[in-house]
Every structure is written in structure tokens, then in C-alpha cells.
């Protein structure tokens, strides 16, 4: 197994235990806020802005927060192309 560079303890861009970086957490938080505002507007009777915010939150920000910076690690990466 070949390792490119070991992680140092002071590496601030290192992902958390779930692989989420600050950009991921920011996008997820933005998605949660967008969805919450959408539901508040939906409760007040909005028929245009509320569904739009809900779709943008659920189909835009939340998946982006989970997928940004995602790297596939598999057997092909560690075997060196064999």
C-alpha cells in the first residue's frame, strides 16, 4: 500500500469522522435554513416562494453539502492501476 502523505495533527482541512469539511457543513446548514424558511412560508399560505425554497433546499443544498469534495476510494486507487 502506497501512501502519498501522512496526516499531521495540525492539518485544519482534515475531514471529521464523517468526512465532512467546513464547506460541507456550511452547505448543509444553508440547506436546513432554506428548508425551515420554506416550511414557515408554507404555513403562512405561500404558494410560490415556499415550494421553491423547499425544492432548492432539499434538491440543491443538502445533496451539495453531502457531495462536495467527495472522492471515491476503491481498489483501483490503492493497487496502482493493476
N, C-alpha and C. Protein backbone atom coordinates (compact mmCIF):
# COMPACT_ATOMS: atom_id res chain seq x y z
N UNK A 1 0.85 -1.17 0.00
CA UNK A 1 0.00 0.00 0.00
C UNK A 1 0.89 1.23 0.00
N UNK A 2 0.61 2.15 -0.91
CA UNK A 2 1.40 3.36 -1.03
C UNK A 2 0.60 4.51 -0.46
N UNK A 3 1.23 5.28 0.41
CA UNK A 3 0.58 6.45 0.99
C UNK A 3 1.27 7.70 0.47
N UNK A 4 0.49 8.66 0.03
CA UNK A 4 1.09 9.86 -0.55
C UNK A 4 1.68 10.76 0.54
N UNK A 5 0.89 11.14 1.53
CA UNK A 5 1.37 11.98 2.61
C UNK A 5 0.59 11.64 3.87
N UNK A 6 1.28 11.45 4.98
CA UNK A 6 0.56 11.19 6.23
C UNK A 6 -0.11 12.47 6.73
N UNK A 7 -1.21 12.30 7.44
CA UNK A 7 -1.90 13.45 8.02
C UNK A 7 -1.15 13.91 9.26
N UNK A 8 -1.00 15.21 9.38
CA UNK A 8 -0.37 15.77 10.57
C UNK A 8 -1.45 16.23 11.52
N UNK A 9 -1.17 16.26 12.81
CA UNK A 9 -2.20 16.66 13.79
C UNK A 9 -2.70 18.09 13.60
N UNK A 10 -1.88 18.97 13.03
CA UNK A 10 -2.29 20.36 12.88
C UNK A 10 -2.92 20.65 11.51
N UNK A 11 -3.30 19.62 10.78
CA UNK A 11 -3.94 19.79 9.49
C UNK A 11 -5.39 20.23 9.69
N UNK A 12 -5.69 21.51 9.39
CA UNK A 12 -7.01 22.06 9.66
C UNK A 12 -8.03 21.70 8.60
N UNK A 13 -7.59 21.27 7.43
CA UNK A 13 -8.53 20.90 6.38
C UNK A 13 -8.90 19.43 6.43
N UNK A 14 -8.41 18.74 7.45
CA UNK A 14 -8.72 17.32 7.58
C UNK A 14 -10.20 17.13 7.88
N UNK A 15 -10.84 16.20 7.21
CA UNK A 15 -12.27 15.99 7.44
C UNK A 15 -12.55 15.39 8.81
N UNK A 16 -13.79 15.56 9.25
CA UNK A 16 -14.20 14.98 10.52
C UNK A 16 -14.37 13.47 10.37
N UNK A 17 -14.88 12.83 11.39
CA UNK A 17 -15.06 11.38 11.37
C UNK A 17 -16.02 10.95 10.25
N UNK A 18 -16.94 11.83 9.86
CA UNK A 18 -17.89 11.51 8.80
C UNK A 18 -17.42 11.99 7.44
N UNK A 19 -16.24 12.56 7.35
CA UNK A 19 -15.71 13.03 6.08
C UNK A 19 -16.25 14.38 5.66
N UNK A 20 -16.81 15.15 6.59
CA UNK A 20 -17.38 16.45 6.26
C UNK A 20 -16.40 17.55 6.60
N UNK A 21 -16.20 18.43 5.66
CA UNK A 21 -15.33 19.59 5.84
C UNK A 21 -16.20 20.80 6.14
N UNK A 22 -15.59 21.93 6.49
CA UNK A 22 -16.39 23.13 6.78
C UNK A 22 -17.30 23.57 5.63
N UNK A 23 -16.86 23.39 4.39
CA UNK A 23 -17.72 23.76 3.26
C UNK A 23 -18.96 22.86 3.22
N UNK A 24 -18.78 21.58 3.54
CA UNK A 24 -19.92 20.66 3.58
C UNK A 24 -20.90 21.07 4.67
N UNK A 25 -20.37 21.37 5.83
CA UNK A 25 -21.24 21.76 6.94
C UNK A 25 -21.97 23.06 6.65
N UNK A 26 -21.30 23.99 5.98
CA UNK A 26 -21.94 25.25 5.61
C UNK A 26 -23.08 25.05 4.63
N UNK A 27 -22.86 24.19 3.61
CA UNK A 27 -23.92 23.91 2.65
C UNK A 27 -25.09 23.18 3.30
N UNK A 28 -24.79 22.25 4.20
CA UNK A 28 -25.87 21.55 4.90
C UNK A 28 -26.66 22.51 5.78
N UNK A 29 -25.96 23.41 6.47
CA UNK A 29 -26.64 24.40 7.31
C UNK A 29 -27.50 25.32 6.46
N UNK A 30 -26.99 25.72 5.29
CA UNK A 30 -27.77 26.56 4.39
C UNK A 30 -29.00 25.81 3.89
N UNK A 31 -28.86 24.53 3.65
CA UNK A 31 -30.00 23.72 3.24
C UNK A 31 -31.05 23.62 4.33
N UNK A 32 -30.62 23.44 5.56
CA UNK A 32 -31.56 23.34 6.68
C UNK A 32 -32.30 24.67 6.87
N UNK A 33 -31.58 25.78 6.78
CA UNK A 33 -32.21 27.10 6.93
C UNK A 33 -33.19 27.34 5.79
N UNK A 34 -32.79 26.99 4.57
CA UNK A 34 -33.68 27.18 3.41
C UNK A 34 -34.96 26.37 3.55
N UNK A 35 -34.82 25.12 3.99
CA UNK A 35 -36.00 24.27 4.18
C UNK A 35 -36.87 24.81 5.31
N UNK A 36 -36.27 25.26 6.38
CA UNK A 36 -37.05 25.81 7.50
C UNK A 36 -37.83 27.05 7.08
N UNK A 37 -37.19 27.94 6.35
CA UNK A 37 -37.88 29.13 5.86
C UNK A 37 -39.00 28.74 4.90
N UNK A 38 -38.75 27.72 4.09
CA UNK A 38 -39.79 27.24 3.17
C UNK A 38 -41.01 26.73 3.91
N UNK A 39 -40.79 25.99 5.00
CA UNK A 39 -41.93 25.49 5.77
C UNK A 39 -42.67 26.61 6.49
N UNK A 40 -41.93 27.61 6.97
CA UNK A 40 -42.59 28.75 7.62
C UNK A 40 -43.47 29.48 6.61
N UNK A 41 -42.92 29.71 5.41
CA UNK A 41 -43.72 30.37 4.38
C UNK A 41 -44.90 29.51 3.94
N UNK A 42 -44.71 28.21 3.91
CA UNK A 42 -45.80 27.30 3.54
C UNK A 42 -46.92 27.38 4.57
N UNK A 43 -46.55 27.49 5.83
CA UNK A 43 -47.55 27.62 6.89
C UNK A 43 -48.33 28.92 6.80
N UNK A 44 -47.71 29.96 6.21
CA UNK A 44 -48.38 31.25 6.06
C UNK A 44 -49.18 31.35 4.77
N UNK A 45 -49.17 30.28 3.97
CA UNK A 45 -50.01 30.26 2.78
C UNK A 45 -49.30 30.59 1.48
N UNK A 46 -48.00 30.67 1.47
CA UNK A 46 -47.28 30.96 0.24
C UNK A 46 -47.40 29.80 -0.74
N UNK A 47 -47.69 30.11 -1.99
CA UNK A 47 -47.82 29.05 -2.99
C UNK A 47 -46.72 29.11 -4.03
N UNK A 48 -45.85 30.12 -3.97
CA UNK A 48 -44.76 30.22 -4.95
C UNK A 48 -43.41 30.10 -4.25
N UNK A 49 -43.15 30.97 -3.29
CA UNK A 49 -41.84 31.00 -2.66
C UNK A 49 -41.57 29.76 -1.81
N UNK A 50 -42.56 29.28 -1.09
CA UNK A 50 -42.35 28.13 -0.20
C UNK A 50 -41.96 26.87 -0.96
N UNK A 51 -42.70 26.47 -1.98
CA UNK A 51 -42.27 25.27 -2.71
C UNK A 51 -40.91 25.44 -3.38
N UNK A 52 -40.64 26.66 -3.87
CA UNK A 52 -39.36 26.93 -4.49
C UNK A 52 -38.21 26.76 -3.49
N UNK A 53 -38.37 27.32 -2.31
CA UNK A 53 -37.34 27.18 -1.28
C UNK A 53 -37.18 25.73 -0.82
N UNK A 54 -38.27 25.01 -0.72
CA UNK A 54 -38.19 23.60 -0.32
C UNK A 54 -37.45 22.77 -1.36
N UNK A 55 -37.73 23.00 -2.61
CA UNK A 55 -37.04 22.25 -3.67
C UNK A 55 -35.56 22.61 -3.70
N UNK A 56 -35.24 23.90 -3.60
CA UNK A 56 -33.84 24.32 -3.61
C UNK A 56 -33.09 23.74 -2.41
N UNK A 57 -33.75 23.73 -1.26
CA UNK A 57 -33.11 23.19 -0.06
C UNK A 57 -32.90 21.69 -0.13
N UNK A 58 -33.97 20.96 -0.45
CA UNK A 58 -33.90 19.50 -0.47
C UNK A 58 -33.14 18.95 -1.67
N UNK A 59 -33.30 19.56 -2.83
CA UNK A 59 -32.68 19.01 -4.05
C UNK A 59 -31.39 19.73 -4.43
N UNK A 60 -31.08 20.82 -3.76
CA UNK A 60 -29.88 21.58 -4.11
C UNK A 60 -28.83 21.59 -3.02
N UNK A 61 -29.13 22.29 -1.93
CA UNK A 61 -28.12 22.50 -0.90
C UNK A 61 -27.77 21.24 -0.10
N UNK A 62 -28.76 20.45 0.26
CA UNK A 62 -28.47 19.25 1.05
C UNK A 62 -27.63 18.24 0.27
N UNK A 63 -27.99 17.89 -0.97
CA UNK A 63 -27.12 16.97 -1.72
C UNK A 63 -25.74 17.58 -1.99
N UNK A 64 -25.68 18.88 -2.27
CA UNK A 64 -24.39 19.53 -2.50
C UNK A 64 -23.53 19.45 -1.24
N UNK A 65 -24.15 19.63 -0.08
CA UNK A 65 -23.39 19.53 1.17
C UNK A 65 -22.85 18.14 1.42
N UNK A 66 -23.53 17.13 0.92
CA UNK A 66 -23.06 15.76 1.10
C UNK A 66 -22.03 15.36 0.05
N UNK A 67 -22.09 15.96 -1.13
CA UNK A 67 -21.26 15.50 -2.24
C UNK A 67 -20.04 16.37 -2.54
N UNK A 68 -20.01 17.62 -2.11
CA UNK A 68 -18.87 18.48 -2.41
C UNK A 68 -17.61 17.91 -1.78
N UNK A 69 -16.60 17.74 -2.59
CA UNK A 69 -15.33 17.21 -2.11
C UNK A 69 -15.30 15.71 -1.95
N UNK A 70 -16.34 15.02 -2.41
CA UNK A 70 -16.41 13.58 -2.27
C UNK A 70 -15.42 12.93 -3.23
N UNK A 71 -14.61 12.01 -2.71
CA UNK A 71 -13.66 11.27 -3.53
C UNK A 71 -13.91 9.80 -3.34
N UNK A 72 -13.97 9.10 -4.44
CA UNK A 72 -14.16 7.64 -4.38
C UNK A 72 -12.83 7.01 -4.05
N UNK A 73 -12.81 6.18 -3.06
CA UNK A 73 -11.63 5.40 -2.75
C UNK A 73 -11.98 3.94 -2.96
N UNK A 74 -11.22 3.30 -3.79
CA UNK A 74 -11.51 1.91 -4.08
C UNK A 74 -10.24 1.13 -4.36
N UNK A 75 -10.41 -0.09 -4.80
CA UNK A 75 -9.27 -0.96 -5.05
C UNK A 75 -8.41 -0.44 -6.19
N UNK A 76 -9.01 0.24 -7.18
CA UNK A 76 -8.23 0.71 -8.32
C UNK A 76 -7.26 1.80 -7.91
N UNK A 77 -7.60 2.62 -6.90
CA UNK A 77 -6.70 3.67 -6.45
C UNK A 77 -5.52 3.10 -5.67
N UNK A 78 -5.77 2.11 -4.85
CA UNK A 78 -4.70 1.62 -3.99
C UNK A 78 -3.81 0.58 -4.68
N UNK A 79 -4.27 0.00 -5.77
CA UNK A 79 -3.46 -1.01 -6.43
C UNK A 79 -2.51 -0.42 -7.45
N UNK A 80 -2.63 0.83 -7.75
CA UNK A 80 -1.72 1.46 -8.70
C UNK A 80 -2.00 1.10 -10.14
N UNK A 81 -3.24 0.79 -10.49
CA UNK A 81 -3.61 0.54 -11.88
C UNK A 81 -3.40 -0.87 -12.34
N UNK A 82 -3.28 -1.80 -11.46
CA UNK A 82 -3.10 -3.19 -11.85
C UNK A 82 -4.40 -3.82 -12.25
